[in-house]
Amino acid sequence: MRAALVGIDFGAGDFTASVEELSLLARSAGAEPITTITARRSSPDAAYFVGSGKADEIGQACLAEKIEIVIFNHALSPAQQRNLEKRLNLRVLDRTSLILDIFAQRARSAEGKLQVELAQLNHMATRLVGGWTHLERQKGGIGLRGPGETQLETDRRLITQRVKLLRERLRRVARSRATQNRARRRAAVRTVALVGYTNAGKSTLFNRLTAAKVYAANQLFATLDTTLRRVHVQGAENIVLSDTVGFIRDLPHDLVAAFRATLAEAADADLLLHVIDASAPNRDEQIDAVDALIDEIGAGEVPQIRIYNKSDLAATAAGVERDPCGTISSVRVSAVTGAGIAELRAALAERFPASPLPVSEPTDTPARSGF
């Protein structure tokens, strides 16, 4: 599907990196970015987000390039989205809808599908419009009185019922997950959660540490479903490692709410390994975005070690760094080559040292007489 990307620079953050990220998101959803249209504004236009003149410019570019869909690198209001679709005579997606679409494509487990559907329904509920005028009561007249409620009201009622059902199912999932976490604590098992920006290499690192075969690819949101595996670390307590969904700046709030049961793995962990793409030019912005989401899901107080991954691409040597108290604060690794993995295992052993086995003291037994 031929797509036009639209990004508006409001003077905050790394605009170029944000537009490049939109292109990656579009490709992840199956679209082919053909043209990118940018502009600078001090604030969004109330009707079209970009202003009527820029909207016409976008329309002309789309006509010339035979564009099939227009994707905005921003969250559009329902009114802005409808106005743009009418003016451009094309389907218009905002960043939130695009991310939801990618999640819908990638969800594999029953839990993941429930979470994505809930997020989509919550998002859709704000965008229902009275496009079913042929069934509205208000029209009146013979044959036009409607079924007793408008189609819009019917849609809202059905969505509300479905949302209620999905939330109840996800509550049961959350209770089951909480029971499993309590069982692990009783068994003295430490839980370590991998968190980080999407495509930072979490799944590749997870496979390297656990010898698992979790799907890992150089694409955004390759992993949606949480996977847990035991990781064997010499001299450490029993450790279970969890691989979680990747974070991204401006992650839709509906998605964060729907995936709260999954993200609880991070909030309930004993340690977070914050995986960072050391080669990313906007690395600091990605770190800030992940830290903000960690706070949002209630995991801000969980101890954290930063893992600077892709050291081979960043041309940095593997190793560890310690804070002023002597505690390991970061580790430089390459999940692809294996550099720094031994240091990471040593950091886990240092954080969760195995209890020494009790040594039985010799008993004073009187020597037997030879007689």
Protein backbone atom coordinates (compact mmCIF):
# COMPACT_ATOMS: atom_id res chain seq x y z
CA MET A 1 0.00 0.00 0.00
CA ARG A 2 1.50 3.32 -1.15
CA ALA A 3 1.68 5.73 1.79
CA ALA A 4 2.41 9.41 2.32
CA LEU A 5 3.97 10.30 5.67
CA VAL A 6 3.21 13.64 7.31
CA GLY A 7 5.28 15.11 10.13
CA ILE A 8 4.91 18.53 11.73
CA ASP A 9 7.87 20.05 13.58
CA PHE A 10 6.66 21.88 16.69
CA GLY A 11 10.23 22.55 17.83
CA ALA A 12 10.43 19.79 20.47
CA GLY A 13 12.70 16.72 20.40
CA ASP A 14 14.63 15.22 17.49
CA PHE A 15 12.21 15.79 14.60
CA THR A 16 14.32 13.96 11.99
CA ALA A 17 14.61 10.82 14.15
CA SER A 18 10.87 10.94 14.83
CA VAL A 19 10.04 10.99 11.11
CA GLU A 20 12.48 8.15 10.44
CA GLU A 21 10.76 6.16 13.19
CA LEU A 22 7.38 6.80 11.52
CA SER A 23 8.79 5.34 8.30
CA LEU A 24 9.87 2.20 10.18
CA LEU A 25 6.44 1.94 11.80
CA ALA A 26 4.74 2.26 8.41
CA ARG A 27 6.92 -0.48 6.91
CA SER A 28 6.25 -2.68 9.95
CA ALA A 29 2.52 -2.30 9.25
CA GLY A 30 3.00 -3.34 5.62
CA ALA A 31 2.85 0.10 3.97
CA GLU A 32 5.36 1.45 1.47
CA PRO A 33 6.35 5.05 2.26
CA ILE A 34 6.49 6.89 -1.08
CA THR A 35 6.74 10.50 -0.01
CA THR A 36 7.28 12.42 3.22
CA ILE A 37 5.67 15.82 3.74
CA THR A 38 6.92 18.04 6.57
CA ALA A 39 6.16 21.49 7.91
CA ARG A 40 6.79 23.72 10.90
CA ARG A 41 4.04 25.08 13.11
CA SER A 42 3.80 26.60 16.56
CA SER A 43 0.59 24.69 17.35
CA PRO A 44 -1.82 22.28 15.61
CA ASP A 45 -4.70 23.59 13.50
CA ALA A 46 -8.04 22.81 15.14
CA ALA A 47 -9.74 21.58 11.96
CA TYR A 48 -6.99 19.89 9.91
CA PHE A 49 -4.01 19.73 12.30
CA VAL A 50 -1.83 21.06 9.44
CA GLY A 51 -3.99 23.93 8.22
CA SER A 52 -6.17 24.03 5.09
CA GLY A 53 -3.38 25.19 2.76
CA LYS A 54 -1.04 22.39 3.82
CA ALA A 55 -3.91 19.90 3.56
CA ASP A 56 -4.38 20.91 -0.09
CA GLU A 57 -0.62 20.53 -0.67
CA ILE A 58 -0.79 17.01 0.80
CA GLY A 59 -3.75 16.24 -1.46
CA GLN A 60 -1.87 17.35 -4.59
CA ALA A 61 1.20 15.29 -3.65
CA CYS A 62 -1.00 12.24 -3.02
CA LEU A 63 -2.68 12.65 -6.40
CA ALA A 64 0.67 12.94 -8.18
CA GLU A 65 2.17 9.91 -6.42
CA LYS A 66 -1.00 7.75 -6.54
CA ILE A 67 -1.03 7.52 -2.74
CA GLU A 68 -3.51 5.12 -1.08
CA ILE A 69 -3.14 6.11 2.58
CA VAL A 70 -1.86 9.13 4.53
CA ILE A 71 -0.12 8.53 7.87
CA PHE A 72 0.42 11.34 10.38
CA ASN A 73 3.24 11.23 12.91
CA HIS A 74 0.90 12.65 15.55
CA ALA A 75 -2.28 11.86 17.44
CA LEU A 76 -5.25 13.33 15.58
CA SER A 77 -8.58 14.16 17.15
CA PRO A 78 -11.61 12.35 15.68
CA ALA A 79 -12.77 15.61 14.06
CA GLN A 80 -9.35 16.30 12.51
CA GLN A 81 -9.18 12.78 11.11
CA ARG A 82 -12.68 13.03 9.58
CA ASN A 83 -11.99 16.48 8.11
CA LEU A 84 -8.75 15.32 6.51
CA GLU A 85 -10.35 12.20 5.02
CA LYS A 86 -13.12 14.30 3.45
CA ARG A 87 -10.67 16.88 2.08
CA LEU A 88 -8.12 14.38 0.78
CA ASN A 89 -10.63 11.70 -0.22
CA LEU A 90 -8.16 9.16 1.21
CA ARG A 91 -7.89 7.06 4.32
CA VAL A 92 -5.99 8.90 7.06
CA LEU A 93 -4.24 7.20 9.98
CA ASP A 94 -2.59 8.84 12.97
CA ARG A 95 0.36 7.47 14.91
CA THR A 96 -1.88 5.83 17.52
CA SER A 97 -3.96 3.95 14.94
CA LEU A 98 -0.79 2.83 13.14
CA ILE A 99 0.74 1.35 16.30
CA LEU A 100 -2.55 -0.38 17.15
CA ASP A 101 -2.61 -1.91 13.67
CA ILE A 102 0.93 -3.27 14.08
CA PHE A 103 0.01 -4.79 17.44
CA ALA A 104 -3.07 -6.40 15.88
CA GLN A 105 -0.88 -8.02 13.21
CA ARG A 106 1.75 -9.27 15.66
CA ALA A 107 -0.39 -10.58 18.54
CA ARG A 108 -0.07 -14.37 18.73
CA SER A 109 -1.18 -15.52 22.20
CA ALA A 110 -4.81 -15.46 23.33
CA GLU A 111 -3.87 -12.90 25.99
CA GLY A 112 -2.11 -10.66 23.49
CA LYS A 113 -5.12 -10.73 21.15
CA LEU A 114 -7.45 -9.81 24.02
CA GLN A 115 -5.23 -6.89 24.99
CA VAL A 116 -4.99 -5.56 21.43
CA GLU A 117 -8.74 -5.87 20.85
CA LEU A 118 -9.46 -3.97 24.06
CA ALA A 119 -7.11 -1.16 23.04
CA GLN A 120 -8.66 -0.99 19.57
CA LEU A 121 -12.20 -0.85 20.91
CA ASN A 122 -11.33 1.91 23.40
CA HIS A 123 -9.72 3.87 20.56
CA MET A 124 -12.62 3.19 18.18
CA ALA A 125 -15.25 4.29 20.71
CA THR A 126 -14.01 7.88 20.50
CA ARG A 127 -14.19 7.84 16.71
CA LEU A 128 -17.73 6.60 16.11
CA VAL A 129 -19.64 9.13 14.04
CA GLY A 130 -23.24 9.49 12.98
CA GLY A 131 -22.67 8.04 9.54
CA TRP A 132 -25.77 5.83 9.77
CA THR A 133 -28.36 8.58 9.13
CA HIS A 134 -30.62 6.17 7.24
CA LEU A 135 -31.47 4.53 10.58
CA GLU A 136 -31.82 7.60 12.80
CA ARG A 137 -35.06 8.10 14.72
CA GLN A 138 -34.92 11.84 14.16
CA LYS A 139 -35.68 11.52 10.44
CA GLY A 140 -39.24 10.32 11.05
CA GLY A 141 -41.66 9.69 8.22
CA ILE A 142 -43.11 6.46 6.86
CA GLY A 143 -40.47 3.79 6.58
CA LEU A 144 -37.79 6.03 8.13
CA ARG A 145 -38.56 5.79 11.84
CA GLY A 146 -35.62 3.51 12.63
CA PRO A 147 -35.38 0.46 14.91
CA GLY A 148 -35.80 2.31 18.22
CA GLU A 149 -32.19 3.48 18.57
CA THR A 150 -29.72 4.91 16.10
CA GLN A 151 -27.05 2.69 14.61
CA LEU A 152 -24.52 4.90 16.38
CA GLU A 153 -26.12 4.11 19.75
CA THR A 154 -26.21 0.42 18.84
CA ASP A 155 -22.50 0.45 17.96
CA ARG A 156 -21.63 2.19 21.22
CA ARG A 157 -23.69 -0.26 23.25
CA LEU A 158 -22.10 -3.29 21.54
CA ILE A 159 -18.60 -1.84 22.05
CA THR A 160 -19.35 -1.15 25.72
CA GLN A 161 -20.53 -4.73 26.24
CA ARG A 162 -17.48 -6.18 24.47
CA VAL A 163 -15.08 -3.94 26.43
CA LYS A 164 -16.67 -5.08 29.69
CA LEU A 165 -16.21 -8.74 28.69
CA LEU A 166 -12.59 -8.24 27.64
CA ARG A 167 -11.73 -6.41 30.86
CA GLU A 168 -13.15 -9.24 32.93
CA ARG A 169 -11.12 -11.82 30.99
CA LEU A 170 -7.97 -9.75 31.42
CA ARG A 171 -8.67 -9.39 35.14
CA ARG A 172 -8.67 -13.19 35.37
CA VAL A 173 -5.36 -13.25 33.50
CA ALA A 174 -3.93 -10.69 35.95
CA ARG A 175 -5.08 -12.76 38.95
CA SER A 176 -3.49 -15.88 37.47
CA ARG A 177 -0.24 -14.00 36.83
CA ALA A 178 -0.22 -12.65 40.39
CA THR A 179 -0.67 -16.20 41.73
CA GLN A 180 2.29 -17.39 39.63
CA ASN A 181 4.43 -14.51 40.93
CA ARG A 182 3.60 -15.40 44.55
CA ALA A 183 4.52 -19.02 43.86
CA ARG A 184 7.89 -17.96 42.44
CA ARG A 185 8.59 -15.84 45.50
CA ARG A 186 7.76 -18.73 47.83
CA ALA A 187 10.17 -20.87 45.83
CA ALA A 188 12.87 -18.18 46.30
CA VAL A 189 13.09 -17.50 42.54
CA ARG A 190 14.32 -14.07 41.45
CA THR A 191 12.50 -12.43 38.53
CA VAL A 192 14.46 -10.25 36.09
CA ALA A 193 12.56 -8.37 33.36
CA LEU A 194 13.99 -7.10 30.10
CA VAL A 195 12.58 -3.69 29.21
CA GLY A 196 13.60 -1.18 26.60
CA TYR A 197 12.78 0.70 23.44
CA THR A 198 11.39 -1.35 20.59
CA ASN A 199 14.09 -2.93 18.40
CA ALA A 200 16.79 -2.40 21.04
CA GLY A 201 17.64 -6.11 20.89
CA LYS A 202 15.77 -7.46 23.94
CA SER A 203 14.67 -10.72 22.31
CA THR A 204 18.14 -11.39 20.88
CA LEU A 205 19.64 -10.84 24.34
CA PHE A 206 16.94 -13.05 25.87
CA ASN A 207 17.85 -15.86 23.47
CA ARG A 208 21.57 -15.39 24.19
CA LEU A 209 21.07 -15.66 27.98
CA THR A 210 18.53 -18.50 28.02
CA ALA A 211 19.33 -20.46 24.83
CA ALA A 212 15.66 -19.99 23.89
CA LYS A 213 14.40 -19.46 20.35
CA VAL A 214 12.10 -16.48 20.80
CA TYR A 215 11.30 -14.69 17.52
CA ALA A 216 13.76 -11.83 17.04
CA ALA A 217 13.91 -9.56 14.01
CA ASN A 218 15.22 -6.14 13.01
CA GLN A 219 11.76 -4.58 13.10
CA LEU A 220 9.62 -2.57 15.47
CA PHE A 221 7.46 -4.57 17.90
CA ALA A 222 8.73 -8.00 16.86
CA THR A 223 7.78 -9.20 20.37
CA LEU A 224 4.35 -8.64 21.92
CA ASP A 225 3.82 -11.67 24.12
CA THR A 226 5.74 -12.02 27.37
CA THR A 227 8.00 -15.08 27.50
CA LEU A 228 9.59 -16.44 30.68
CA ARG A 229 12.61 -18.74 30.84
CA ARG A 230 14.96 -19.84 33.59
CA VAL A 231 18.48 -18.51 33.17
CA HIS A 232 21.36 -20.42 34.76
CA VAL A 233 23.98 -18.14 36.30
CA GLN A 234 26.94 -19.64 38.14
CA GLY A 235 26.96 -18.54 41.78
CA ALA A 236 23.54 -16.88 41.65
CA GLU A 237 20.13 -17.66 43.05
CA ASN A 238 17.48 -19.19 40.81
CA ILE A 239 16.55 -16.56 38.20
CA VAL A 240 13.61 -16.35 35.79
CA LEU A 241 14.06 -13.92 32.90
CA SER A 242 11.06 -12.33 31.16
CA ASP A 243 11.04 -10.75 27.71
CA THR A 244 8.43 -7.98 27.45
CA VAL A 245 6.87 -5.84 24.73
CA GLY A 246 9.05 -2.99 23.51
CA PHE A 247 8.33 0.60 24.46
CA ILE A 248 8.14 3.59 22.14
CA ARG A 249 7.67 7.32 22.58
CA ASP A 250 4.02 8.38 22.70
CA LEU A 251 2.84 4.80 23.19
CA PRO A 252 -0.98 5.04 23.10
CA HIS A 253 -2.50 5.20 26.58
CA ASP A 254 -5.21 2.72 25.54
CA LEU A 255 -2.44 0.27 24.67
CA VAL A 256 -0.62 0.80 27.97
CA ALA A 257 -3.89 0.23 29.85
CA ALA A 258 -4.77 -2.88 27.85
CA PHE A 259 -1.29 -4.40 28.28
CA ARG A 260 -1.17 -3.63 32.00
CA ALA A 261 -1.37 -7.34 32.90
CA THR A 262 1.62 -8.08 30.66
CA LEU A 263 3.59 -5.05 31.80
CA ALA A 264 2.98 -6.10 35.41
CA GLU A 265 5.85 -8.55 34.87
CA ALA A 266 8.15 -5.53 34.96
CA ALA A 267 6.43 -3.90 37.93
CA ASP A 268 6.66 -7.13 39.97
CA ALA A 269 10.26 -7.94 39.01
CA ASP A 270 13.20 -7.95 41.41
CA LEU A 271 15.41 -6.28 38.79
CA LEU A 272 14.95 -4.53 35.44
CA LEU A 273 17.50 -4.89 32.68
CA HIS A 274 16.93 -1.72 30.65
CA VAL A 275 18.20 -2.70 27.19
CA ILE A 276 19.43 0.30 25.17
CA ASP A 277 20.49 0.48 21.53
CA ALA A 278 23.95 1.97 22.04
CA SER A 279 24.22 2.75 18.31
CA ALA A 280 20.98 4.79 18.09
CA PRO A 281 21.61 8.47 17.35
CA ASN A 282 18.67 9.50 19.56
CA ARG A 283 19.64 7.11 22.35
CA ASP A 284 19.01 9.60 25.16
CA GLU A 285 15.47 10.34 23.96
CA GLN A 286 14.74 6.61 23.84
CA ILE A 287 16.05 6.18 27.39
CA ASP A 288 13.81 9.02 28.62
CA ALA A 289 10.77 7.52 26.85
CA VAL A 290 11.34 4.11 28.46
CA ASP A 291 11.94 5.61 31.92
CA ALA A 292 8.67 7.58 31.62
CA LEU A 293 6.73 4.42 30.75
CA ILE A 294 8.42 2.48 33.55
CA ASP A 295 7.10 5.11 35.95
CA GLU A 296 3.64 4.96 34.34
CA ILE A 297 3.27 1.20 34.87
CA GLY A 298 4.38 1.47 38.50
CA ALA A 299 7.88 0.02 38.10
CA GLY A 300 9.80 3.18 38.89
CA GLU A 301 11.04 1.85 42.23
CA VAL A 302 12.35 -1.47 40.84
CA PRO A 303 16.19 -1.59 40.78
CA GLN A 304 17.61 -1.22 37.28
CA ILE A 305 20.79 -2.06 35.38
CA ARG A 306 21.24 -0.41 32.00
CA ILE A 307 22.39 -2.77 29.25
CA TYR A 308 24.02 -0.89 26.37
CA ASN A 309 23.46 -3.40 23.56
CA LYS A 310 24.88 -3.42 20.02
CA SER A 311 28.33 -2.44 21.25
CA ASP A 312 29.69 -3.90 18.01
CA LEU A 313 27.77 -1.29 15.98
CA ALA A 314 28.62 1.50 18.44
CA ALA A 315 32.32 0.53 18.34
CA THR A 316 32.58 0.39 22.13
CA ALA A 317 34.33 -2.24 24.20
CA ALA A 318 32.31 -4.65 26.32
CA GLY A 319 32.52 -4.06 30.06
CA VAL A 320 30.78 -2.80 33.17
CA GLU A 321 30.41 0.53 34.93
CA ARG A 322 29.81 1.05 38.64
CA ASP A 323 28.14 3.85 40.55
CA PRO A 324 29.89 5.73 43.41
CA CYS A 325 28.73 3.02 45.84
CA GLY A 326 30.48 0.33 43.82
CA THR A 327 27.27 -1.25 42.52
CA ILE A 328 27.16 -2.25 38.85
CA SER A 329 24.98 0.35 37.08
CA SER A 330 25.49 -0.55 33.42
CA VAL A 331 26.94 -3.26 31.20
CA ARG A 332 28.06 -2.92 27.57
CA VAL A 333 27.24 -5.99 25.49
CA SER A 334 26.56 -7.26 22.00
CA ALA A 335 23.75 -9.81 22.00
CA VAL A 336 24.67 -10.81 18.44
CA THR A 337 28.39 -11.49 18.96
CA GLY A 338 28.19 -12.48 22.64
CA ALA A 339 30.66 -9.82 23.77
CA GLY A 340 29.99 -8.71 27.35
CA ILE A 341 27.56 -11.56 28.12
CA ALA A 342 29.98 -13.06 30.65
CA GLU A 343 30.15 -9.68 32.38
CA LEU A 344 26.35 -9.48 32.42
CA ARG A 345 26.09 -12.92 34.00
CA ALA A 346 28.66 -11.87 36.60
CA ALA A 347 26.57 -8.75 37.32
CA LEU A 348 23.49 -10.93 37.94
CA ALA A 349 25.51 -13.21 40.23
CA GLU A 350 26.76 -10.15 42.13
CA ARG A 351 23.21 -8.78 42.47
CA PHE A 352 21.66 -12.12 43.51
CA PRO A 353 24.44 -14.21 45.10
CA ALA A 354 23.54 -17.78 45.98
CA SER A 355 23.38 -18.52 49.69
CA PRO A 356 26.37 -20.58 50.79
CA LEU A 357 25.54 -24.16 51.70
CA PRO A 358 25.66 -24.77 55.45
CA VAL A 359 28.82 -26.58 56.52
CA SER A 360 28.20 -29.31 59.09
CA GLU A 361 30.61 -29.04 62.01
CA PRO A 362 32.50 -32.24 62.98
CA THR A 363 31.23 -33.85 66.15
CA ASP A 364 33.68 -34.73 68.93
CA THR A 365 33.38 -38.53 69.03
CA PRO A 366 35.55 -40.22 71.64
CA ALA A 367 38.09 -42.61 70.16
CA ARG A 368 37.28 -46.24 70.61
CA SER A 369 39.58 -48.24 72.73
CA GLY A 370 41.51 -50.91 70.93
CA PHE A 371 40.86 -53.30 73.75
